[in-house]
Amino acid sequence: MPDQADFDAGDFANRLAAMSEDELFETMRGLEEESESIPPDERDGSDVFAKIALVETAIEDRFPGQLLAPYKDWQQRRTAS
């Protein structure tokens, strides 16, 4: 796993801004899955939670006032298919 020092938040945020909505939501889904496999004693050394926060911000920027509702709706549509 890359060291947290290798994580460039600005670069990651720029990549998020260029993503389609589906790509952004897929990124969030993948990060959530990845976070579930990180043991609690290793969480401080992981950049996954910082990435999740940045994706949450990107979603909220695209959908002002809706928090993560668009992501939750997307998840429900995927499971209903």
N, C-alpha and C. Protein backbone atom coordinates (compact mmCIF):
# COMPACT_ATOMS: atom_id res chain seq x y z
N MET A 1 0.85 -1.18 0.00
CA MET A 1 0.00 0.00 0.00
C MET A 1 0.90 1.24 0.00
N PRO A 2 0.58 2.24 -0.84
CA PRO A 2 1.42 3.43 -0.87
C PRO A 2 1.41 4.17 0.46
N ASP A 3 2.52 4.73 0.76
CA ASP A 3 2.66 5.51 1.99
C ASP A 3 1.80 6.77 1.86
N GLN A 4 1.26 7.22 2.98
CA GLN A 4 0.41 8.41 2.97
C GLN A 4 1.15 9.62 2.41
N ALA A 5 2.47 9.67 2.55
CA ALA A 5 3.24 10.79 2.03
C ALA A 5 3.20 10.82 0.51
N ASP A 6 2.90 9.69 -0.15
CA ASP A 6 2.82 9.63 -1.60
C ASP A 6 1.49 10.18 -2.14
N PHE A 7 0.53 10.39 -1.28
CA PHE A 7 -0.79 10.84 -1.69
C PHE A 7 -0.78 12.34 -1.92
N ASP A 8 -1.15 12.75 -3.13
CA ASP A 8 -1.23 14.17 -3.49
C ASP A 8 -2.71 14.56 -3.56
N ALA A 9 -3.20 15.20 -2.52
CA ALA A 9 -4.61 15.54 -2.42
C ALA A 9 -5.06 16.47 -3.56
N GLY A 10 -4.22 17.41 -3.92
CA GLY A 10 -4.56 18.34 -5.00
C GLY A 10 -4.73 17.63 -6.33
N ASP A 11 -3.80 16.72 -6.63
CA ASP A 11 -3.89 15.95 -7.86
C ASP A 11 -5.14 15.07 -7.86
N PHE A 12 -5.41 14.42 -6.74
CA PHE A 12 -6.59 13.57 -6.63
C PHE A 12 -7.86 14.39 -6.82
N ALA A 13 -7.94 15.56 -6.20
CA ALA A 13 -9.11 16.43 -6.34
C ALA A 13 -9.29 16.87 -7.78
N ASN A 14 -8.19 17.17 -8.48
CA ASN A 14 -8.28 17.55 -9.89
C ASN A 14 -8.80 16.40 -10.74
N ARG A 15 -8.35 15.18 -10.45
CA ARG A 15 -8.85 14.02 -11.19
C ARG A 15 -10.33 13.80 -10.92
N LEU A 16 -10.77 14.01 -9.69
CA LEU A 16 -12.19 13.87 -9.36
C LEU A 16 -13.02 14.87 -10.14
N ALA A 17 -12.55 16.10 -10.25
CA ALA A 17 -13.29 17.15 -10.95
C ALA A 17 -13.49 16.81 -12.43
N ALA A 18 -12.57 16.05 -13.00
CA ALA A 18 -12.65 15.70 -14.42
C ALA A 18 -13.50 14.46 -14.67
N MET A 19 -13.92 13.76 -13.63
CA MET A 19 -14.67 12.52 -13.78
C MET A 19 -16.14 12.77 -14.09
N SER A 20 -16.74 11.81 -14.78
CA SER A 20 -18.19 11.83 -14.96
C SER A 20 -18.83 11.48 -13.62
N GLU A 21 -20.14 11.66 -13.53
CA GLU A 21 -20.82 11.31 -12.29
C GLU A 21 -20.66 9.83 -11.97
N ASP A 22 -20.83 8.97 -12.98
CA ASP A 22 -20.68 7.53 -12.74
C ASP A 22 -19.27 7.18 -12.28
N GLU A 23 -18.27 7.81 -12.88
CA GLU A 23 -16.88 7.55 -12.45
C GLU A 23 -16.67 8.00 -11.02
N LEU A 24 -17.21 9.14 -10.68
CA LEU A 24 -17.08 9.67 -9.32
C LEU A 24 -17.74 8.73 -8.31
N PHE A 25 -18.95 8.28 -8.64
CA PHE A 25 -19.66 7.38 -7.74
C PHE A 25 -18.97 6.02 -7.64
N GLU A 26 -18.44 5.53 -8.75
CA GLU A 26 -17.68 4.27 -8.73
C GLU A 26 -16.44 4.41 -7.85
N THR A 27 -15.79 5.56 -7.92
CA THR A 27 -14.62 5.81 -7.08
C THR A 27 -15.00 5.75 -5.61
N MET A 28 -16.12 6.37 -5.27
CA MET A 28 -16.58 6.35 -3.87
C MET A 28 -16.89 4.92 -3.45
N ARG A 29 -17.59 4.17 -4.29
CA ARG A 29 -17.93 2.79 -3.96
C ARG A 29 -16.68 1.96 -3.72
N GLY A 30 -15.69 2.12 -4.59
CA GLY A 30 -14.44 1.38 -4.42
C GLY A 30 -13.70 1.75 -3.15
N LEU A 31 -13.68 3.02 -2.84
CA LEU A 31 -13.01 3.47 -1.61
C LEU A 31 -13.72 2.96 -0.37
N GLU A 32 -15.05 2.96 -0.40
CA GLU A 32 -15.79 2.43 0.74
C GLU A 32 -15.48 0.95 0.95
N GLU A 33 -15.44 0.19 -0.14
CA GLU A 33 -15.09 -1.23 -0.03
C GLU A 33 -13.68 -1.40 0.52
N GLU A 34 -12.75 -0.60 0.00
CA GLU A 34 -11.36 -0.68 0.44
C GLU A 34 -11.24 -0.33 1.92
N SER A 35 -12.00 0.65 2.38
CA SER A 35 -11.91 1.08 3.79
C SER A 35 -12.37 -0.02 4.74
N GLU A 36 -13.31 -0.85 4.28
CA GLU A 36 -13.82 -1.91 5.14
C GLU A 36 -12.78 -2.98 5.43
N SER A 37 -11.78 -3.09 4.57
CA SER A 37 -10.76 -4.12 4.76
C SER A 37 -9.53 -3.63 5.52
N ILE A 38 -9.53 -2.36 5.93
CA ILE A 38 -8.38 -1.81 6.65
C ILE A 38 -8.57 -2.04 8.14
N PRO A 39 -7.67 -2.79 8.76
CA PRO A 39 -7.79 -3.01 10.21
C PRO A 39 -7.69 -1.67 10.96
N PRO A 40 -8.43 -1.53 12.05
CA PRO A 40 -8.42 -0.27 12.80
C PRO A 40 -7.03 0.24 13.17
N ASP A 41 -6.11 -0.67 13.48
CA ASP A 41 -4.77 -0.23 13.89
C ASP A 41 -3.93 0.25 12.71
N GLU A 42 -4.41 0.09 11.48
CA GLU A 42 -3.66 0.54 10.29
C GLU A 42 -4.32 1.75 9.62
N ARG A 43 -5.40 2.24 10.18
CA ARG A 43 -6.15 3.32 9.53
C ARG A 43 -5.40 4.64 9.49
N ASP A 44 -4.60 4.92 10.51
CA ASP A 44 -3.86 6.18 10.53
C ASP A 44 -2.85 6.27 9.40
N GLY A 45 -2.34 5.15 8.94
CA GLY A 45 -1.35 5.14 7.86
C GLY A 45 -1.95 5.03 6.48
N SER A 46 -3.27 5.02 6.39
CA SER A 46 -3.95 4.86 5.11
C SER A 46 -4.46 6.20 4.58
N ASP A 47 -4.38 6.36 3.28
CA ASP A 47 -4.91 7.57 2.66
C ASP A 47 -6.35 7.38 2.19
N VAL A 48 -6.91 6.21 2.39
CA VAL A 48 -8.26 5.91 1.90
C VAL A 48 -9.30 6.86 2.50
N PHE A 49 -9.21 7.14 3.78
CA PHE A 49 -10.21 7.99 4.41
C PHE A 49 -10.09 9.44 3.96
N ALA A 50 -8.89 9.90 3.67
CA ALA A 50 -8.71 11.23 3.10
C ALA A 50 -9.32 11.29 1.70
N LYS A 51 -9.14 10.22 0.94
CA LYS A 51 -9.73 10.16 -0.41
C LYS A 51 -11.25 10.17 -0.33
N ILE A 52 -11.81 9.42 0.62
CA ILE A 52 -13.27 9.40 0.78
C ILE A 52 -13.77 10.81 1.08
N ALA A 53 -13.09 11.53 1.94
CA ALA A 53 -13.51 12.89 2.27
C ALA A 53 -13.47 13.79 1.04
N LEU A 54 -12.45 13.62 0.20
CA LEU A 54 -12.36 14.43 -1.02
C LEU A 54 -13.46 14.08 -2.01
N VAL A 55 -13.79 12.79 -2.12
CA VAL A 55 -14.88 12.40 -3.02
C VAL A 55 -16.21 12.94 -2.49
N GLU A 56 -16.42 12.87 -1.18
CA GLU A 56 -17.64 13.43 -0.59
C GLU A 56 -17.76 14.91 -0.94
N THR A 57 -16.66 15.63 -0.83
CA THR A 57 -16.65 17.06 -1.15
C THR A 57 -16.97 17.28 -2.62
N ALA A 58 -16.39 16.47 -3.50
CA ALA A 58 -16.64 16.60 -4.93
C ALA A 58 -18.11 16.35 -5.26
N ILE A 59 -18.70 15.36 -4.61
CA ILE A 59 -20.12 15.07 -4.82
C ILE A 59 -20.97 16.24 -4.33
N GLU A 60 -20.67 16.73 -3.16
CA GLU A 60 -21.43 17.84 -2.60
C GLU A 60 -21.25 19.12 -3.42
N ASP A 61 -20.09 19.31 -4.03
CA ASP A 61 -19.88 20.46 -4.91
C ASP A 61 -20.74 20.36 -6.18
N ARG A 62 -20.89 19.15 -6.70
CA ARG A 62 -21.69 18.96 -7.91
C ARG A 62 -23.18 19.03 -7.64
N PHE A 63 -23.58 18.67 -6.44
CA PHE A 63 -24.99 18.63 -6.08
C PHE A 63 -25.20 19.45 -4.80
N PRO A 64 -25.12 20.79 -4.92
CA PRO A 64 -25.22 21.64 -3.73
C PRO A 64 -26.50 21.38 -2.94
N GLY A 65 -26.34 21.30 -1.63
CA GLY A 65 -27.46 21.14 -0.73
C GLY A 65 -28.03 19.73 -0.64
N GLN A 66 -27.46 18.79 -1.41
CA GLN A 66 -28.00 17.44 -1.42
C GLN A 66 -27.14 16.45 -0.64
N LEU A 67 -26.02 16.92 -0.10
CA LEU A 67 -25.08 16.06 0.61
C LEU A 67 -24.75 14.85 -0.25
N LEU A 68 -24.91 13.65 0.25
CA LEU A 68 -24.56 12.45 -0.52
C LEU A 68 -25.79 11.77 -1.12
N ALA A 69 -26.94 12.44 -1.14
CA ALA A 69 -28.16 11.83 -1.68
C ALA A 69 -27.99 11.33 -3.12
N PRO A 70 -27.33 12.07 -4.01
CA PRO A 70 -27.18 11.55 -5.37
C PRO A 70 -26.38 10.24 -5.42
N TYR A 71 -25.38 10.12 -4.57
CA TYR A 71 -24.60 8.89 -4.50
C TYR A 71 -25.45 7.74 -3.97
N LYS A 72 -26.23 8.00 -2.93
CA LYS A 72 -27.11 6.96 -2.36
C LYS A 72 -28.15 6.53 -3.39
N ASP A 73 -28.71 7.48 -4.14
CA ASP A 73 -29.67 7.15 -5.19
C ASP A 73 -29.02 6.28 -6.26
N TRP A 74 -27.80 6.62 -6.64
CA TRP A 74 -27.05 5.85 -7.63
C TRP A 74 -26.84 4.42 -7.13
N GLN A 75 -26.49 4.28 -5.87
CA GLN A 75 -26.30 2.94 -5.29
C GLN A 75 -27.60 2.13 -5.37
N GLN A 76 -28.70 2.75 -5.04
CA GLN A 76 -29.99 2.06 -5.06
C GLN A 76 -30.37 1.64 -6.48
N ARG A 77 -30.12 2.51 -7.45
CA ARG A 77 -30.42 2.16 -8.85
C ARG A 77 -29.59 0.98 -9.29
N ARG A 78 -28.33 0.92 -8.85
CA ARG A 78 -27.46 -0.20 -9.25
C ARG A 78 -27.92 -1.52 -8.65
N THR A 79 -28.36 -1.49 -7.41
CA THR A 79 -28.79 -2.73 -6.76
C THR A 79 -30.16 -3.16 -7.24
N ALA A 80 -30.96 -2.22 -7.73
CA ALA A 80 -32.30 -2.54 -8.22
C ALA A 80 -32.25 -3.16 -9.62
N SER A 81 -31.16 -2.95 -10.31
CA SER A 81 -31.05 -3.47 -11.70
C SER A 81 -30.81 -4.96 -11.72
